[in-house]
Amino acid sequence: MSGTRWLSDGEQRVWREFNAATRMLSAHLEAQLQHDSGMPHTYYEVLVALSEAPGRRLRMSELADARQASRSRLSHAVARLEANGWVRREACPTDKRGAWAVLTDAGFAALEAAAPGHVEAVRESLFDPLTPEQVTALGEISAAIRRQLTPKCAAAAAAEAAKEHEGELTKSG
């Protein structure tokens, strides 16, 4: 493939370090939340998103977009959070197909209990090893990567949503 833009040796080293670091960080934070709070990181992120929303509620579609998750994956997570009593679903009065995810008081309490340990784990594993300049650079680098990936991820999410919708139509037809 003559058109392939292969990574240089330096780029390959950076890619492998970045890949290893992000995987280790994700695994560490996942293990910390599971151990200390009995919840996966995905559930924590859903609780955070709801806690920051007006009235501690978001439409399921907005929550899926905010968490960059498929609607089916989010629906499964919300079902588990409902079983824990941390979230409840409410029908949307203006859209028969829509639903709201609402953070319960018990869910907010679970988030409040989990947050200190999680924040400390983030601080110790991500920020403490870096200088202030490196933190600034990491923020700029992360923003540049997100800008590059956002349209691609949005297109992939739209294609997945269309596929899910098509599957729903096939089931009901």
Protein backbone atom coordinates (compact mmCIF):
# COMPACT_ATOMS: atom_id res chain seq x y z
CA MET A 1 0.00 0.00 0.00
CA SER A 2 2.01 2.91 -1.27
CA GLY A 3 -0.50 5.49 0.11
CA THR A 4 -0.19 4.32 3.73
CA ARG A 5 1.30 6.96 6.00
CA TRP A 6 3.26 4.66 8.30
CA LEU A 7 4.24 5.89 11.76
CA SER A 8 7.82 6.90 12.27
CA ASP A 9 9.76 5.18 15.06
CA GLY A 10 9.15 8.18 17.31
CA GLU A 11 5.44 8.28 16.49
CA GLN A 12 5.19 4.54 17.10
CA ARG A 13 6.77 4.98 20.56
CA VAL A 14 4.38 7.85 21.39
CA TRP A 15 1.37 5.89 20.14
CA ARG A 16 2.28 2.85 22.23
CA GLU A 17 2.94 4.94 25.35
CA PHE A 18 -0.33 6.84 24.88
CA ASN A 19 -2.30 3.66 24.23
CA ALA A 20 -0.81 1.89 27.26
CA ALA A 21 -1.29 4.92 29.52
CA THR A 22 -4.93 5.48 28.57
CA ARG A 23 -5.75 1.79 28.97
CA MET A 24 -4.01 1.63 32.34
CA LEU A 25 -5.72 4.81 33.52
CA SER A 26 -9.15 3.52 32.46
CA ALA A 27 -8.54 0.14 34.11
CA HIS A 28 -7.27 1.79 37.31
CA LEU A 29 -10.27 4.12 37.57
CA GLU A 30 -12.66 1.27 36.78
CA ALA A 31 -11.12 -0.91 39.50
CA GLN A 32 -11.15 1.95 42.03
CA LEU A 33 -14.84 2.67 41.50
CA GLN A 34 -15.77 -1.03 41.56
CA HIS A 35 -13.76 -1.65 44.72
CA ASP A 36 -14.74 1.47 46.67
CA SER A 37 -18.28 2.07 45.42
CA GLY A 38 -19.46 -1.09 43.71
CA MET A 39 -20.21 0.64 40.44
CA PRO A 40 -18.58 0.61 37.02
CA HIS A 41 -17.16 3.83 35.62
CA THR A 42 -19.93 3.94 32.99
CA TYR A 43 -22.58 4.15 35.72
CA TYR A 44 -20.60 6.83 37.54
CA GLU A 45 -20.46 8.91 34.36
CA VAL A 46 -24.24 8.58 33.87
CA LEU A 47 -24.84 9.70 37.47
CA VAL A 48 -22.48 12.67 36.99
CA ALA A 49 -24.22 13.74 33.77
CA LEU A 50 -27.63 13.59 35.46
CA SER A 51 -26.37 15.40 38.57
CA GLU A 52 -25.15 18.29 36.43
CA ALA A 53 -28.35 18.56 34.37
CA PRO A 54 -31.14 21.00 35.27
CA GLY A 55 -33.55 19.23 37.59
CA ARG A 56 -31.18 16.24 37.60
CA ARG A 57 -32.90 14.94 34.45
CA LEU A 58 -32.05 14.40 30.82
CA ARG A 59 -33.86 12.86 27.91
CA MET A 60 -32.45 9.43 27.23
CA SER A 61 -31.30 10.54 23.77
CA GLU A 62 -29.47 13.55 25.27
CA LEU A 63 -27.89 11.35 27.92
CA ALA A 64 -26.69 8.92 25.25
CA ASP A 65 -25.19 11.81 23.28
CA ALA A 66 -23.56 13.29 26.39
CA ARG A 67 -22.01 9.94 27.29
CA GLN A 68 -21.12 9.15 23.66
CA ALA A 69 -22.94 5.84 24.02
CA SER A 70 -25.37 4.03 21.80
CA ARG A 71 -28.98 4.28 22.89
CA SER A 72 -29.19 0.53 23.45
CA ARG A 73 -26.04 0.50 25.61
CA LEU A 74 -27.28 3.48 27.59
CA SER A 75 -30.71 1.90 28.02
CA HIS A 76 -29.04 -1.18 29.53
CA ALA A 77 -26.98 0.97 31.92
CA VAL A 78 -30.04 2.97 32.98
CA ALA A 79 -31.95 -0.28 33.60
CA ARG A 80 -29.20 -1.38 35.99
CA LEU A 81 -29.20 2.03 37.68
CA GLU A 82 -33.00 1.77 38.02
CA ALA A 83 -32.59 -1.64 39.67
CA ASN A 84 -30.26 0.01 42.20
CA GLY A 85 -32.83 2.76 42.82
CA TRP A 86 -30.39 5.41 41.59
CA VAL A 87 -32.27 6.49 38.45
CA ARG A 88 -35.88 6.37 37.37
CA ARG A 89 -37.37 6.73 33.91
CA GLU A 90 -40.27 9.03 33.22
CA ALA A 91 -42.34 9.18 30.06
CA CYS A 92 -41.94 12.30 27.98
CA PRO A 93 -45.34 14.02 27.73
CA THR A 94 -44.52 15.67 24.39
CA ASP A 95 -42.98 12.64 22.67
CA LYS A 96 -44.57 9.20 23.07
CA ARG A 97 -41.31 7.48 22.11
CA GLY A 98 -39.13 9.64 24.35
CA ALA A 99 -38.24 9.11 28.00
CA TRP A 100 -36.44 11.04 30.69
CA ALA A 101 -33.75 9.61 32.95
CA VAL A 102 -34.02 11.19 36.40
CA LEU A 103 -31.41 10.98 39.15
CA THR A 104 -33.04 9.90 42.42
CA ASP A 105 -31.98 11.09 45.85
CA ALA A 106 -30.46 7.64 46.44
CA GLY A 107 -28.52 7.99 43.18
CA PHE A 108 -27.25 11.42 44.18
CA ALA A 109 -26.20 10.00 47.56
CA ALA A 110 -24.36 7.13 45.82
CA LEU A 111 -22.58 9.66 43.61
CA GLU A 112 -21.66 11.83 46.60
CA ALA A 113 -20.23 8.77 48.34
CA ALA A 114 -18.24 7.65 45.26
CA ALA A 115 -16.91 11.05 44.19
CA PRO A 116 -14.16 11.69 46.80
CA GLY A 117 -12.36 8.38 46.15
CA HIS A 118 -12.77 8.74 42.40
CA VAL A 119 -11.46 12.31 42.35
CA GLU A 120 -8.48 11.26 44.46
CA ALA A 121 -7.73 8.38 42.08
CA VAL A 122 -7.91 10.77 39.09
CA ARG A 123 -5.66 13.27 40.85
CA GLU A 124 -3.08 10.67 41.92
CA SER A 125 -2.92 8.84 38.60
CA LEU A 126 -3.33 11.66 36.07
CA PHE A 127 -2.47 15.05 37.53
CA ASP A 128 0.08 14.38 40.29
CA PRO A 129 2.73 12.96 37.90
CA LEU A 130 2.50 16.03 35.62
CA THR A 131 3.87 19.53 35.87
CA PRO A 132 1.40 22.42 35.47
CA GLU A 133 2.77 22.94 31.95
CA GLN A 134 2.18 19.29 31.10
CA VAL A 135 -1.40 19.52 32.42
CA THR A 136 -2.00 22.49 30.12
CA ALA A 137 -0.44 20.64 27.18
CA LEU A 138 -2.51 17.52 27.95
CA GLY A 139 -5.67 19.63 27.87
CA GLU A 140 -4.70 21.16 24.53
CA ILE A 141 -3.74 17.78 23.07
CA SER A 142 -6.97 16.17 24.29
CA ALA A 143 -9.05 19.01 22.81
CA ALA A 144 -7.26 18.67 19.44
CA ILE A 145 -7.93 14.91 19.36
CA ARG A 146 -11.60 15.46 20.26
CA ARG A 147 -11.99 18.10 17.54
CA GLN A 148 -10.56 15.64 15.00
CA LEU A 149 -12.74 12.74 16.15
CA THR A 150 -16.04 14.48 16.95
CA PRO A 151 -17.44 14.57 13.39
CA LYS A 152 -16.34 10.99 12.73
CA CYS A 153 -17.87 9.74 15.97
CA ALA A 154 -21.09 11.70 15.33
CA ALA A 155 -21.39 10.11 11.88
CA ALA A 156 -20.80 6.64 13.32
CA ALA A 157 -23.37 7.26 16.09
CA ALA A 158 -25.92 8.46 13.53
CA ALA A 159 -25.35 5.35 11.44
CA GLU A 160 -25.75 3.12 14.51
CA ALA A 161 -28.95 4.95 15.54
CA ALA A 162 -30.35 4.51 12.04
CA LYS A 163 -29.49 0.81 12.18
CA GLU A 164 -31.19 0.45 15.60
CA HIS A 165 -34.26 2.31 14.28
CA GLU A 166 -34.35 0.05 11.23
CA GLY A 167 -34.19 -2.98 13.53
CA GLU A 168 -37.10 -1.62 15.61
CA LEU A 169 -39.17 -1.12 12.47
CA THR A 170 -38.41 -4.66 11.33
CA LYS A 171 -39.49 -6.08 14.71
CA SER A 172 -42.76 -4.11 14.74
CA GLY A 173 -43.56 -4.81 11.10
